[in-house]
Amino acid sequence: MDKTEESFLVNRIKSVGFAFKGMIHLLKTEASIKVQFSLALIMIALGIYFEISSIEWMLQTFAVSLVMSIEGLNTAVEKIADFIHPDHHPKIGIIKDIAAGAVFIASFAAITVSCLIYIPKFMA
């Protein structure tokens, strides 16, 4: 393995470490991520209880991951906006609202997926 390949591999490993650190920071410090993580655990428990299909697991996993990922990006947008302009500013408010709106859209999609999976199982 030459020096370029080694540094590429080392840099990828470091990148994964930074990403893991960021995920842990989100879980420890952000209330909304804590709530969504708790909901994800409930969804996993329901999936196990109802023995959902592989496709249902894929859809559920994708939906939960999408919401949590976008929530992480929303948090990053809020932190950057607060750093750039700590005082209230209407344009910063709009930027934060747009980022929150993205979380809302993903959450609505996740709720829809959950309803499509679980309502029939509760009705049976």
PDB file of N, CA and C in Angstrom:
ATOM      1  N   MET A   1       0.860  -1.176   0.000  1.00  0.00           N
ATOM      2  CA  MET A   1       0.000   0.000   0.000  1.00  0.00           C
ATOM      3  C   MET A   1       0.906   1.240   0.000  1.00  0.00           C
ATOM      4  N   ASP A   2       0.694   2.117  -0.981  1.00  0.00           N
ATOM      5  CA  ASP A   2       1.523   3.321  -1.029  1.00  0.00           C
ATOM      6  C   ASP A   2       0.978   4.385  -0.077  1.00  0.00           C
ATOM      7  N   LYS A   3       1.748   5.450   0.056  1.00  0.00           N
ATOM      8  CA  LYS A   3       1.431   6.525   1.004  1.00  0.00           C
ATOM      9  C   LYS A   3       0.061   7.174   0.718  1.00  0.00           C
ATOM     10  N   THR A   4      -0.279   7.346  -0.583  1.00  0.00           N
ATOM     11  CA  THR A   4      -1.552   7.969  -0.952  1.00  0.00           C
ATOM     12  C   THR A   4      -2.726   7.110  -0.520  1.00  0.00           C
ATOM     13  N   GLU A   5      -2.636   5.806  -0.779  1.00  0.00           N
ATOM     14  CA  GLU A   5      -3.716   4.899  -0.382  1.00  0.00           C
ATOM     15  C   GLU A   5      -3.862   4.854   1.126  1.00  0.00           C
ATOM     16  N   GLU A   6      -2.726   4.844   1.819  1.00  0.00           N
ATOM     17  CA  GLU A   6      -2.765   4.790   3.282  1.00  0.00           C
ATOM     18  C   GLU A   6      -3.410   6.046   3.851  1.00  0.00           C
ATOM     19  N   SER A   7      -3.016   7.213   3.341  1.00  0.00           N
ATOM     20  CA  SER A   7      -3.592   8.438   3.885  1.00  0.00           C
ATOM     21  C   SER A   7      -5.080   8.534   3.537  1.00  0.00           C
ATOM     22  N   PHE A   8      -5.469   8.028   2.361  1.00  0.00           N
ATOM     23  CA  PHE A   8      -6.887   8.010   2.014  1.00  0.00           C
ATOM     24  C   PHE A   8      -7.658   7.163   3.020  1.00  0.00           C
ATOM     25  N   LEU A   9      -7.159   5.971   3.309  1.00  0.00           N
ATOM     26  CA  LEU A   9      -7.819   5.081   4.265  1.00  0.00           C
ATOM     27  C   LEU A   9      -7.849   5.695   5.659  1.00  0.00           C
ATOM     28  N   VAL A  10      -6.736   6.258   6.083  1.00  0.00           N
ATOM     29  CA  VAL A  10      -6.667   6.887   7.403  1.00  0.00           C
ATOM     30  C   VAL A  10      -7.662   8.046   7.482  1.00  0.00           C
ATOM     31  N   ASN A  11      -7.732   8.852   6.419  1.00  0.00           N
ATOM     32  CA  ASN A  11      -8.671   9.978   6.407  1.00  0.00           C
ATOM     33  C   ASN A  11     -10.123   9.515   6.441  1.00  0.00           C
ATOM     34  N   ARG A  12     -10.452   8.412   5.774  1.00  0.00           N
ATOM     35  CA  ARG A  12     -11.819   7.887   5.808  1.00  0.00           C
ATOM     36  C   ARG A  12     -12.164   7.411   7.213  1.00  0.00           C
ATOM     37  N   ILE A  13     -11.216   6.746   7.851  1.00  0.00           N
ATOM     38  CA  ILE A  13     -11.445   6.272   9.225  1.00  0.00           C
ATOM     39  C   ILE A  13     -11.649   7.462  10.158  1.00  0.00           C
ATOM     40  N   LYS A  14     -10.842   8.509   9.995  1.00  0.00           N
ATOM     41  CA  LYS A  14     -11.014   9.719  10.807  1.00  0.00           C
ATOM     42  C   LYS A  14     -12.382  10.353  10.554  1.00  0.00           C
ATOM     43  N   SER A  15     -12.799  10.382   9.292  1.00  0.00           N
ATOM     44  CA  SER A  15     -14.100  10.963   8.942  1.00  0.00           C
ATOM     45  C   SER A  15     -15.237  10.228   9.625  1.00  0.00           C
ATOM     46  N   VAL A  16     -15.156   8.909   9.662  1.00  0.00           N
ATOM     47  CA  VAL A  16     -16.179   8.115  10.350  1.00  0.00           C
ATOM     48  C   VAL A  16     -16.175   8.450  11.841  1.00  0.00           C
ATOM     49  N   GLY A  17     -15.003   8.616  12.390  1.00  0.00           N
ATOM     50  CA  GLY A  17     -14.891   8.984  13.808  1.00  0.00           C
ATOM     51  C   GLY A  17     -15.528  10.332  14.095  1.00  0.00           C
ATOM     52  N   PHE A  18     -15.290  11.316  13.214  1.00  0.00           N
ATOM     53  CA  PHE A  18     -15.903  12.638  13.389  1.00  0.00           C
ATOM     54  C   PHE A  18     -17.424  12.552  13.277  1.00  0.00           C
ATOM     55  N   ALA A  19     -17.890  11.769  12.322  1.00  0.00           N
ATOM     56  CA  ALA A  19     -19.343  11.613  12.136  1.00  0.00           C
ATOM     57  C   ALA A  19     -19.964  10.958  13.366  1.00  0.00           C
ATOM     58  N   PHE A  20     -19.314   9.933  13.902  1.00  0.00           N
ATOM     59  CA  PHE A  20     -19.812   9.261  15.098  1.00  0.00           C
ATOM     60  C   PHE A  20     -19.844  10.242  16.276  1.00  0.00           C
ATOM     61  N   LYS A  21     -18.792  11.045  16.393  1.00  0.00           N
ATOM     62  CA  LYS A  21     -18.723  12.056  17.452  1.00  0.00           C
ATOM     63  C   LYS A  21     -19.888  13.045  17.327  1.00  0.00           C
ATOM     64  N   GLY A  22     -20.171  13.468  16.100  1.00  0.00           N
ATOM     65  CA  GLY A  22     -21.288  14.383  15.872  1.00  0.00           C
ATOM     66  C   GLY A  22     -22.619  13.763  16.232  1.00  0.00           C
ATOM     67  N   MET A  23     -22.801  12.486  15.873  1.00  0.00           N
ATOM     68  CA  MET A  23     -24.044  11.784  16.198  1.00  0.00           C
ATOM     69  C   MET A  23     -24.227  11.690  17.721  1.00  0.00           C
ATOM     70  N   ILE A  24     -23.172  11.333  18.417  1.00  0.00           N
ATOM     71  CA  ILE A  24     -23.241  11.225  19.883  1.00  0.00           C
ATOM     72  C   ILE A  24     -23.547  12.601  20.486  1.00  0.00           C
ATOM     73  N   HIS A  25     -22.917  13.645  19.955  1.00  0.00           N
ATOM     74  CA  HIS A  25     -23.184  15.003  20.452  1.00  0.00           C
ATOM     75  C   HIS A  25     -24.660  15.361  20.268  1.00  0.00           C
ATOM     76  N   LEU A  26     -25.214  15.050  19.106  1.00  0.00           N
ATOM     77  CA  LEU A  26     -26.640  15.302  18.865  1.00  0.00           C
ATOM     78  C   LEU A  26     -27.498  14.571  19.888  1.00  0.00           C
ATOM     79  N   LEU A  27     -27.215  13.282  20.087  1.00  0.00           N
ATOM     80  CA  LEU A  27     -28.022  12.478  21.015  1.00  0.00           C
ATOM     81  C   LEU A  27     -27.913  12.972  22.455  1.00  0.00           C
ATOM     82  N   LYS A  28     -26.764  13.508  22.826  1.00  0.00           N
ATOM     83  CA  LYS A  28     -26.572  13.969  24.199  1.00  0.00           C
ATOM     84  C   LYS A  28     -27.151  15.363  24.448  1.00  0.00           C
ATOM     85  N   THR A  29     -27.185  16.207  23.407  1.00  0.00           N
ATOM     86  CA  THR A  29     -27.483  17.616  23.654  1.00  0.00           C
ATOM     87  C   THR A  29     -28.785  18.132  23.053  1.00  0.00           C
ATOM     88  N   GLU A  30     -29.342  17.461  22.077  1.00  0.00           N
ATOM     89  CA  GLU A  30     -30.503  18.005  21.375  1.00  0.00           C
ATOM     90  C   GLU A  30     -31.783  17.266  21.773  1.00  0.00           C
ATOM     91  N   ALA A  31     -32.705  18.004  22.373  1.00  0.00           N
ATOM     92  CA  ALA A  31     -33.956  17.414  22.863  1.00  0.00           C
ATOM     93  C   ALA A  31     -34.753  16.764  21.731  1.00  0.00           C
ATOM     94  N   SER A  32     -34.810  17.415  20.586  1.00  0.00           N
ATOM     95  CA  SER A  32     -35.615  16.873  19.490  1.00  0.00           C
ATOM     96  C   SER A  32     -35.050  15.538  18.991  1.00  0.00           C
ATOM     97  N   ILE A  33     -33.741  15.420  18.952  1.00  0.00           N
ATOM     98  CA  ILE A  33     -33.129  14.144  18.545  1.00  0.00           C
ATOM     99  C   ILE A  33     -33.399  13.075  19.602  1.00  0.00           C
ATOM    100  N   LYS A  34     -33.375  13.452  20.865  1.00  0.00           N
ATOM    101  CA  LYS A  34     -33.678  12.488  21.928  1.00  0.00           C
ATOM    102  C   LYS A  34     -35.099  11.953  21.775  1.00  0.00           C
ATOM    103  N   VAL A  35     -36.043  12.848  21.489  1.00  0.00           N
ATOM    104  CA  VAL A  35     -37.439  12.429  21.286  1.00  0.00           C
ATOM    105  C   VAL A  35     -37.526  11.504  20.076  1.00  0.00           C
ATOM    106  N   GLN A  36     -36.896  11.894  18.977  1.00  0.00           N
ATOM    107  CA  GLN A  36     -36.968  11.082  17.765  1.00  0.00           C
ATOM    108  C   GLN A  36     -36.256   9.745  17.942  1.00  0.00           C
ATOM    109  N   PHE A  37     -35.173   9.730  18.693  1.00  0.00           N
ATOM    110  CA  PHE A  37     -34.483   8.475  18.977  1.00  0.00           C
ATOM    111  C   PHE A  37     -35.374   7.565  19.817  1.00  0.00           C
ATOM    112  N   SER A  38     -36.081   8.149  20.791  1.00  0.00           N
ATOM    113  CA  SER A  38     -37.020   7.361  21.600  1.00  0.00           C
ATOM    114  C   SER A  38     -38.143   6.791  20.739  1.00  0.00           C
ATOM    115  N   LEU A  39     -38.661   7.617  19.823  1.00  0.00           N
ATOM    116  CA  LEU A  39     -39.693   7.139  18.900  1.00  0.00           C
ATOM    117  C   LEU A  39     -39.141   6.026  18.002  1.00  0.00           C
ATOM    118  N   ALA A  40     -37.896   6.162  17.592  1.00  0.00           N
ATOM    119  CA  ALA A  40     -37.271   5.119  16.769  1.00  0.00           C
ATOM    120  C   ALA A  40     -37.209   3.800  17.533  1.00  0.00           C
ATOM    121  N   LEU A  41     -36.870   3.864  18.814  1.00  0.00           N
ATOM    122  CA  LEU A  41     -36.830   2.639  19.633  1.00  0.00           C
ATOM    123  C   LEU A  41     -38.217   2.015  19.753  1.00  0.00           C
ATOM    124  N   ILE A  42     -39.231   2.857  19.906  1.00  0.00           N
ATOM    125  CA  ILE A  42     -40.609   2.357  19.958  1.00  0.00           C
ATOM    126  C   ILE A  42     -40.972   1.687  18.643  1.00  0.00           C
ATOM    127  N   MET A  43     -40.583   2.311  17.531  1.00  0.00           N
ATOM    128  CA  MET A  43     -40.880   1.739  16.205  1.00  0.00           C
ATOM    129  C   MET A  43     -40.168   0.401  16.022  1.00  0.00           C
ATOM    130  N   ILE A  44     -38.953   0.301  16.503  1.00  0.00           N
ATOM    131  CA  ILE A  44     -38.225  -0.973  16.435  1.00  0.00           C
ATOM    132  C   ILE A  44     -38.952  -2.033  17.251  1.00  0.00           C
ATOM    133  N   ALA A  45     -39.378  -1.661  18.464  1.00  0.00           N
ATOM    134  CA  ALA A  45     -40.105  -2.609  19.317  1.00  0.00           C
ATOM    135  C   ALA A  45     -41.405  -3.058  18.645  1.00  0.00           C
ATOM    136  N   LEU A  46     -42.128  -2.109  18.044  1.00  0.00           N
ATOM    137  CA  LEU A  46     -43.362  -2.467  17.336  1.00  0.00           C
ATOM    138  C   LEU A  46     -43.064  -3.386  16.155  1.00  0.00           C
ATOM    139  N   GLY A  47     -42.002  -3.086  15.449  1.00  0.00           N
ATOM    140  CA  GLY A  47     -41.625  -3.929  14.316  1.00  0.00           C
ATOM    141  C   GLY A  47     -41.326  -5.352  14.731  1.00  0.00           C
ATOM    142  N   ILE A  48     -40.635  -5.495  15.849  1.00  0.00           N
ATOM    143  CA  ILE A  48     -40.338  -6.833  16.371  1.00  0.00           C
ATOM    144  C   ILE A  48     -41.623  -7.517  16.823  1.00  0.00           C
ATOM    145  N   TYR A  49     -42.457  -6.788  17.556  1.00  0.00           N
ATOM    146  CA  TYR A  49     -43.701  -7.353  18.067  1.00  0.00           C
ATOM    147  C   TYR A  49     -44.610  -7.828  16.937  1.00  0.00           C
ATOM    148  N   PHE A  50     -44.774  -7.000  15.915  1.00  0.00           N
ATOM    149  CA  PHE A  50     -45.687  -7.341  14.815  1.00  0.00           C
ATOM    150  C   PHE A  50     -45.020  -8.154  13.703  1.00  0.00           C
ATOM    151  N   GLU A  51     -43.733  -8.441  13.886  1.00  0.00           N
ATOM    152  CA  GLU A  51     -42.980  -9.223  12.899  1.00  0.00           C
ATOM    153  C   GLU A  51     -43.179  -8.661  11.485  1.00  0.00           C
ATOM    154  N   ILE A  52     -42.851  -7.371  11.343  1.00  0.00           N
ATOM    155  CA  ILE A  52     -43.050  -6.725  10.049  1.00  0.00           C
ATOM    156  C   ILE A  52     -42.116  -7.334   9.003  1.00  0.00           C
ATOM    157  N   SER A  53     -42.501  -7.186   7.749  1.00  0.00           N
ATOM    158  CA  SER A  53     -41.754  -7.785   6.636  1.00  0.00           C
ATOM    159  C   SER A  53     -40.442  -7.038   6.393  1.00  0.00           C
ATOM    160  N   SER A  54     -39.596  -7.621   5.577  1.00  0.00           N
ATOM    161  CA  SER A  54     -38.320  -6.980   5.227  1.00  0.00           C
ATOM    162  C   SER A  54     -38.548  -5.629   4.559  1.00  0.00           C
ATOM    163  N   ILE A  55     -39.519  -5.567   3.681  1.00  0.00           N
ATOM    164  CA  ILE A  55     -39.805  -4.301   3.006  1.00  0.00           C
ATOM    165  C   ILE A  55     -40.313  -3.264   4.009  1.00  0.00           C
ATOM    166  N   GLU A  56     -41.152  -3.683   4.949  1.00  0.00           N
ATOM    167  CA  GLU A  56     -41.627  -2.763   5.981  1.00  0.00           C
ATOM    168  C   GLU A  56     -40.465  -2.276   6.850  1.00  0.00           C
ATOM    169  N   TRP A  57     -39.531  -3.185   7.159  1.00  0.00           N
ATOM    170  CA  TRP A  57     -38.339  -2.784   7.919  1.00  0.00           C
ATOM    171  C   TRP A  57     -37.532  -1.763   7.139  1.00  0.00           C
ATOM    172  N   MET A  58     -37.374  -1.985   5.837  1.00  0.00           N
ATOM    173  CA  MET A  58     -36.615  -1.042   5.012  1.00  0.00           C
ATOM    174  C   MET A  58     -37.280   0.324   5.002  1.00  0.00           C
ATOM    175  N   LEU A  59     -38.601   0.337   4.802  1.00  0.00           N
ATOM    176  CA  LEU A  59     -39.318   1.606   4.766  1.00  0.00           C
ATOM    177  C   LEU A  59     -39.254   2.317   6.117  1.00  0.00           C
ATOM    178  N   GLN A  60     -39.445   1.569   7.178  1.00  0.00           N
ATOM    179  CA  GLN A  60     -39.398   2.156   8.519  1.00  0.00           C
ATOM    180  C   GLN A  60     -38.001   2.696   8.809  1.00  0.00           C
ATOM    181  N   THR A  61     -36.982   1.917   8.507  1.00  0.00           N
ATOM    182  CA  THR A  61     -35.606   2.342   8.753  1.00  0.00           C
ATOM    183  C   THR A  61     -35.279   3.595   7.953  1.00  0.00           C
ATOM    184  N   PHE A  62     -35.679   3.601   6.690  1.00  0.00           N
ATOM    185  CA  PHE A  62     -35.438   4.771   5.846  1.00  0.00           C
ATOM    186  C   PHE A  62     -36.149   6.003   6.403  1.00  0.00           C
ATOM    187  N   ALA A  63     -37.406   5.840   6.805  1.00  0.00           N
ATOM    188  CA  ALA A  63     -38.187   6.974   7.312  1.00  0.00           C
ATOM    189  C   ALA A  63     -37.572   7.536   8.590  1.00  0.00           C
ATOM    190  N   VAL A  64     -37.220   6.660   9.516  1.00  0.00           N
ATOM    191  CA  VAL A  64     -36.635   7.103  10.792  1.00  0.00           C
ATOM    192  C   VAL A  64     -35.280   7.763  10.541  1.00  0.00           C
ATOM    193  N   SER A  65     -34.470   7.154   9.696  1.00  0.00           N
ATOM    194  CA  SER A  65     -33.146   7.702   9.390  1.00  0.00           C
ATOM    195  C   SER A  65     -33.257   9.053   8.701  1.00  0.00           C
ATOM    196  N   LEU A  66     -34.222   9.189   7.816  1.00  0.00           N
ATOM    197  CA  LEU A  66     -34.429  10.453   7.117  1.00  0.00           C
ATOM    198  C   LEU A  66     -34.763  11.569   8.102  1.00  0.00           C
ATOM    199  N   VAL A  67     -35.685  11.305   8.998  1.00  0.00           N
ATOM    200  CA  VAL A  67     -36.088  12.329   9.969  1.00  0.00           C
ATOM    201  C   VAL A  67     -34.904  12.716  10.859  1.00  0.00           C
ATOM    202  N   MET A  68     -34.206  11.728  11.375  1.00  0.00           N
ATOM    203  CA  MET A  68     -33.095  12.038  12.275  1.00  0.00           C
ATOM    204  C   MET A  68     -31.949  12.737  11.544  1.00  0.00           C
ATOM    205  N   SER A  69     -31.708  12.352  10.308  1.00  0.00           N
ATOM    206  CA  SER A  69     -30.655  13.010   9.524  1.00  0.00           C
ATOM    207  C   SER A  69     -31.001  14.467   9.257  1.00  0.00           C
ATOM    208  N   ILE A  70     -32.222  14.704   8.827  1.00  0.00           N
ATOM    209  CA  ILE A  70     -32.624  16.081   8.532  1.00  0.00           C
ATOM    210  C   ILE A  70     -32.684  16.909   9.809  1.00  0.00           C
ATOM    211  N   GLU A  71     -33.056  16.286  10.909  1.00  0.00           N
ATOM    212  CA  GLU A  71     -33.031  16.999  12.188  1.00  0.00           C
ATOM    213  C   GLU A  71     -31.596  17.398  12.537  1.00  0.00           C
ATOM    214  N   GLY A  72     -30.653  16.526  12.257  1.00  0.00           N
ATOM    215  CA  GLY A  72     -29.244  16.871  12.476  1.00  0.00           C
ATOM    216  C   GLY A  72     -28.820  18.051  11.617  1.00  0.00           C
ATOM    217  N   LEU A  73     -29.231  18.049  10.355  1.00  0.00           N
ATOM    218  CA  LEU A  73     -28.921  19.178   9.478  1.00  0.00           C
ATOM    219  C   LEU A  73     -29.613  20.451   9.962  1.00  0.00           C
ATOM    220  N   ASN A  74     -30.842  20.326  10.435  1.00  0.00           N
ATOM    221  CA  ASN A  74     -31.566  21.471  10.989  1.00  0.00           C
ATOM    222  C   ASN A  74     -30.805  22.058  12.174  1.00  0.00           C
ATOM    223  N   THR A  75     -30.312  21.201  13.028  1.00  0.00           N
ATOM    224  CA  THR A  75     -29.536  21.652  14.178  1.00  0.00           C
ATOM    225  C   THR A  75     -28.279  22.384  13.720  1.00  0.00           C
ATOM    226  N   ALA A  76     -27.616  21.832  12.700  1.00  0.00           N
ATOM    227  CA  ALA A  76     -26.408  22.480  12.176  1.00  0.00           C
ATOM    228  C   ALA A  76     -26.737  23.859  11.596  1.00  0.00           C
ATOM    229  N   VAL A  77     -27.831  23.951  10.851  1.00  0.00           N
ATOM    230  CA  VAL A  77     -28.253  25.248  10.290  1.00  0.00           C
ATOM    231  C   VAL A  77     -28.512  26.245  11.420  1.00  0.00           C
ATOM    232  N   GLU A  78     -29.213  25.801  12.462  1.00  0.00           N
ATOM    233  CA  GLU A  78     -29.507  26.698  13.590  1.00  0.00           C
ATOM    234  C   GLU A  78     -28.225  27.164  14.271  1.00  0.00           C
ATOM    235  N   LYS A  79     -27.281  26.255  14.468  1.00  0.00           N
ATOM    236  CA  LYS A  79     -26.018  26.618  15.134  1.00  0.00           C
ATOM    237  C   LYS A  79     -25.229  27.613  14.285  1.00  0.00           C
ATOM    238  N   ILE A  80     -25.177  27.360  12.982  1.00  0.00           N
ATOM    239  CA  ILE A  80     -24.463  28.286  12.093  1.00  0.00           C
ATOM    240  C   ILE A  80     -25.149  29.647  12.096  1.00  0.00           C
ATOM    241  N   ALA A  81     -26.469  29.651  11.984  1.00  0.00           N
ATOM    242  CA  ALA A  81     -27.223  30.917  11.962  1.00  0.00           C
ATOM    243  C   ALA A  81     -27.002  31.698  13.254  1.00  0.00           C
ATOM    244  N   ASP A  82     -27.033  31.006  14.390  1.00  0.00           N
ATOM    245  CA  ASP A  82     -26.815  31.678  15.677  1.00  0.00           C
ATOM    246  C   ASP A  82     -25.393  32.202  15.797  1.00  0.00           C
ATOM    247  N   PHE A  83     -24.449  31.486  15.216  1.00  0.00           N
ATOM    248  CA  PHE A  83     -23.055  31.918  15.259  1.00  0.00           C
ATOM    249  C   PHE A  83     -22.854  33.165  14.402  1.00  0.00           C
ATOM    250  N   ILE A  84     -23.467  33.165  13.225  1.00  0.00           N
ATOM    251  CA  ILE A  84     -23.320  34.290  12.300  1.00  0.00           C
ATOM    252  C   ILE A  84     -24.038  35.530  12.814  1.00  0.00           C
ATOM    253  N   HIS A  85     -25.238  35.308  13.347  1.00  0.00           N
ATOM    254  CA  HIS A  85     -26.041  36.462  13.797  1.00  0.00           C
ATOM    255  C   HIS A  85     -26.756  36.087  15.093  1.00  0.00           C
ATOM    256  N   PRO A  86     -26.094  36.267  16.235  1.00  0.00           N
ATOM    257  CA  PRO A  86     -26.668  35.828  17.525  1.00  0.00           C
ATOM    258  C   PRO A  86     -27.970  36.531  17.908  1.00  0.00           C
ATOM    259  N   ASP A  87     -28.139  37.761  17.476  1.00  0.00           N
ATOM    260  CA  ASP A  87     -29.365  38.491  17.795  1.00  0.00           C
ATOM    261  C   ASP A  87     -30.466  38.089  16.827  1.00  0.00           C
ATOM    262  N   HIS A  88     -31.706  38.349  17.247  1.00  0.00           N
ATOM    263  CA  HIS A  88     -32.837  38.039  16.367  1.00  0.00           C
ATOM    264  C   HIS A  88     -32.738  38.858  15.082  1.00  0.00           C
ATOM    265  N   HIS A  89     -32.928  38.158  13.968  1.00  0.00           N
ATOM    266  CA  HIS A  89     -32.948  38.830  12.667  1.00  0.00           C
ATOM    267  C   HIS A  89     -33.997  38.129  11.809  1.00  0.00           C
ATOM    268  N   PRO A  90     -34.871  38.881  11.155  1.00  0.00           N
ATOM    269  CA  PRO A  90     -35.960  38.262  10.386  1.00  0.00           C
ATOM    270  C   PRO A  90     -35.478  37.263   9.327  1.00  0.00           C
ATOM    271  N   LYS A  91     -34.384  37.579   8.643  1.00  0.00           N
ATOM    272  CA  LYS A  91     -33.892  36.663   7.603  1.00  0.00           C
ATOM    273  C   LYS A  91     -33.325  35.380   8.206  1.00  0.00           C
ATOM    274  N   ILE A  92     -32.655  35.503   9.339  1.00  0.00           N
ATOM    275  CA  ILE A  92     -32.165  34.304  10.036  1.00  0.00           C
ATOM    276  C   ILE A  92     -33.361  33.468  10.491  1.00  0.00           C
ATOM    277  N   GLY A  93     -34.406  34.140  10.952  1.00  0.00           N
ATOM    278  CA  GLY A  93     -35.628  33.437  11.359  1.00  0.00           C
ATOM    279  C   GLY A  93     -36.226  32.645  10.211  1.00  0.00           C
ATOM    280  N   ILE A  94     -36.247  33.240   9.027  1.00  0.00           N
ATOM    281  CA  ILE A  94     -36.779  32.535   7.856  1.00  0.00           C
ATOM    282  C   ILE A  94     -35.914  31.320   7.525  1.00  0.00           C
ATOM    283  N   ILE A  95     -34.601  31.488   7.597  1.00  0.00           N
ATOM    284  CA  ILE A  95     -33.690  30.367   7.329  1.00  0.00           C
ATOM    285  C   ILE A  95     -33.960  29.216   8.300  1.00  0.00           C
ATOM    286  N   LYS A  96     -34.104  29.543   9.576  1.00  0.00           N
ATOM    287  CA  LYS A  96     -34.389  28.514  10.586  1.00  0.00           C
ATOM    288  C   LYS A  96     -35.752  27.873  10.346  1.00  0.00           C
ATOM    289  N   ASP A  97     -36.735  28.665   9.970  1.00  0.00           N
ATOM    290  CA  ASP A  97     -38.067  28.125   9.684  1.00  0.00           C
ATOM    291  C   ASP A  97     -38.032  27.159   8.504  1.00  0.00           C
ATOM    292  N   ILE A  98     -37.265  27.499   7.482  1.00  0.00           N
ATOM    293  CA  ILE A  98     -37.150  26.613   6.316  1.00  0.00           C
ATOM    294  C   ILE A  98     -36.515  25.283   6.723  1.00  0.00           C
ATOM    295  N   ALA A  99     -35.453  25.347   7.521  1.00  0.00           N
ATOM    296  CA  ALA A  99     -34.801  24.115   7.975  1.00  0.00           C
ATOM    297  C   ALA A  99     -35.763  23.280   8.827  1.00  0.00           C
ATOM    298  N   ALA A 100     -36.516  23.942   9.697  1.00  0.00           N
ATOM    299  CA  ALA A 100     -37.510  23.235  10.509  1.00  0.00           C
ATOM    300  C   ALA A 100     -38.608  22.655   9.624  1.00  0.00           C
ATOM    301  N   GLY A 101     -38.966  23.377   8.572  1.00  0.00           N
ATOM    302  CA  GLY A 101     -39.967  22.881   7.627  1.00  0.00           C
ATOM    303  C   GLY A 101     -39.518  21.596   6.954  1.00  0.00           C
ATOM    304  N   ALA A 102     -38.226  21.483   6.666  1.00  0.00           N
ATOM    305  CA  ALA A 102     -37.702  20.249   6.077  1.00  0.00           C
ATOM    306  C   ALA A 102     -37.879  19.075   7.034  1.00  0.00           C
ATOM    307  N   VAL A 103     -37.645  19.314   8.317  1.00  0.00           N
ATOM    308  CA  VAL A 103     -37.864  18.270   9.326  1.00  0.00           C
ATOM    309  C   VAL A 103     -39.343  17.902   9.372  1.00  0.00           C
ATOM    310  N   PHE A 104     -40.204  18.898   9.299  1.00  0.00           N
ATOM    311  CA  PHE A 104     -41.648  18.658   9.319  1.00  0.00           C
ATOM    312  C   PHE A 104     -42.074  17.770   8.150  1.00  0.00           C
ATOM    313  N   ILE A 105     -41.560  18.056   6.960  1.00  0.00           N
ATOM    314  CA  ILE A 105     -41.897  17.252   5.781  1.00  0.00           C
ATOM    315  C   ILE A 105     -41.445  15.807   5.977  1.00  0.00           C
ATOM    316  N   ALA A 106     -40.213  15.619   6.427  1.00  0.00           N
ATOM    317  CA  ALA A 106     -39.701  14.260   6.652  1.00  0.00           C
ATOM    318  C   ALA A 106     -40.499  13.549   7.745  1.00  0.00           C
ATOM    319  N   SER A 107     -40.865  14.286   8.792  1.00  0.00           N
ATOM    320  CA  SER A 107     -41.651  13.698   9.881  1.00  0.00           C
ATOM    321  C   SER A 107     -43.029  13.273   9.394  1.00  0.00           C
ATOM    322  N   PHE A 108     -43.640  14.103   8.576  1.00  0.00           N
ATOM    323  CA  PHE A 108     -44.949  13.769   8.020  1.00  0.00           C
ATOM    324  C   PHE A 108     -44.854  12.493   7.179  1.00  0.00           C
ATOM    325  N   ALA A 109     -43.795  12.384   6.384  1.00  0.00           N
ATOM    326  CA  ALA A 109     -43.594  11.178   5.576  1.00  0.00           C
ATOM    327  C   ALA A 109     -43.393   9.959   6.481  1.00  0.00           C
ATOM    328  N   ALA A 110     -42.623  10.117   7.557  1.00  0.00           N
ATOM    329  CA  ALA A 110     -42.379   8.998   8.476  1.00  0.00           C
ATOM    330  C   ALA A 110     -43.658   8.568   9.179  1.00  0.00           C
ATOM    331  N   ILE A 111     -44.480   9.530   9.559  1.00  0.00           N
ATOM    332  CA  ILE A 111     -45.763   9.205  10.190  1.00  0.00           C
ATOM    333  C   ILE A 111     -46.650   8.461   9.201  1.00  0.00           C
ATOM    334  N   THR A 112     -46.643   8.897   7.958  1.00  0.00           N
ATOM    335  CA  THR A 112     -47.433   8.224   6.925  1.00  0.00           C
ATOM    336  C   THR A 112     -46.981   6.783   6.747  1.00  0.00           C
ATOM    337  N   VAL A 113     -45.668   6.575   6.659  1.00  0.00           N
ATOM    338  CA  VAL A 113     -45.125   5.212   6.538  1.00  0.00           C
ATOM    339  C   VAL A 113     -45.542   4.373   7.732  1.00  0.00           C
ATOM    340  N   SER A 114     -45.407   4.941   8.925  1.00  0.00           N
ATOM    341  CA  SER A 114     -45.779   4.209  10.142  1.00  0.00           C
ATOM    342  C   SER A 114     -47.253   3.834  10.141  1.00  0.00           C
ATOM    343  N   CYS A 115     -48.105   4.751   9.736  1.00  0.00           N
ATOM    344  CA  CYS A 115     -49.548   4.463   9.682  1.00  0.00           C
ATOM    345  C   CYS A 115     -49.839   3.359   8.668  1.00  0.00           C
ATOM    346  N   LEU A 116     -49.200   3.426   7.519  1.00  0.00           N
ATOM    347  CA  LEU A 116     -49.421   2.398   6.496  1.00  0.00           C
ATOM    348  C   LEU A 116     -48.967   1.020   6.975  1.00  0.00           C
ATOM    349  N   ILE A 117     -47.919   0.990   7.770  1.00  0.00           N
ATOM    350  CA  ILE A 117     -47.422  -0.295   8.286  1.00  0.00           C
ATOM    351  C   ILE A 117     -48.284  -0.792   9.442  1.00  0.00           C
ATOM    352  N   TYR A 118     -48.574   0.089  10.415  1.00  0.00           N
ATOM    353  CA  TYR A 118     -49.127  -0.384  11.681  1.00  0.00           C
ATOM    354  C   TYR A 118     -50.631  -0.320  11.827  1.00  0.00           C
ATOM    355  N   ILE A 119     -51.308   0.575  11.178  1.00  0.00           N
ATOM    356  CA  ILE A 119     -52.784   0.626  11.323  1.00  0.00           C
ATOM    357  C   ILE A 119     -53.406  -0.716  10.940  1.00  0.00           C
ATOM    358  N   PRO A 120     -53.028  -1.313   9.802  1.00  0.00           N
ATOM    359  CA  PRO A 120     -53.613  -2.616   9.483  1.00  0.00           C
ATOM    360  C   PRO A 120     -53.300  -3.702  10.524  1.00  0.00           C
ATOM    361  N   LYS A 121     -52.137  -3.597  11.143  1.00  0.00           N
ATOM    362  CA  LYS A 121     -51.762  -4.609  12.141  1.00  0.00           C
ATOM    363  C   LYS A 121     -52.564  -4.423  13.438  1.00  0.00           C
ATOM    364  N   PHE A 122     -52.845  -3.166  13.806  1.00  0.00           N
ATOM    365  CA  PHE A 122     -53.664  -2.914  14.983  1.00  0.00           C
ATOM    366  C   PHE A 122     -55.132  -3.269  14.732  1.00  0.00           C
ATOM    367  N   MET A 123     -55.558  -3.154  13.477  1.00  0.00           N
ATOM    368  CA  MET A 123     -56.952  -3.445  13.136  1.00  0.00           C
ATOM    369  C   MET A 123     -57.216  -4.947  13.027  1.00  0.00           C
ATOM    370  N   ALA A 124     -56.158  -5.728  12.825  1.00  0.00           N
ATOM    371  CA  ALA A 124     -56.336  -7.176  12.620  1.00  0.00           C
ATOM    372  C   ALA A 124     -56.672  -7.895  13.910  1.00  0.00           C
TER     373      ALA A 124
END
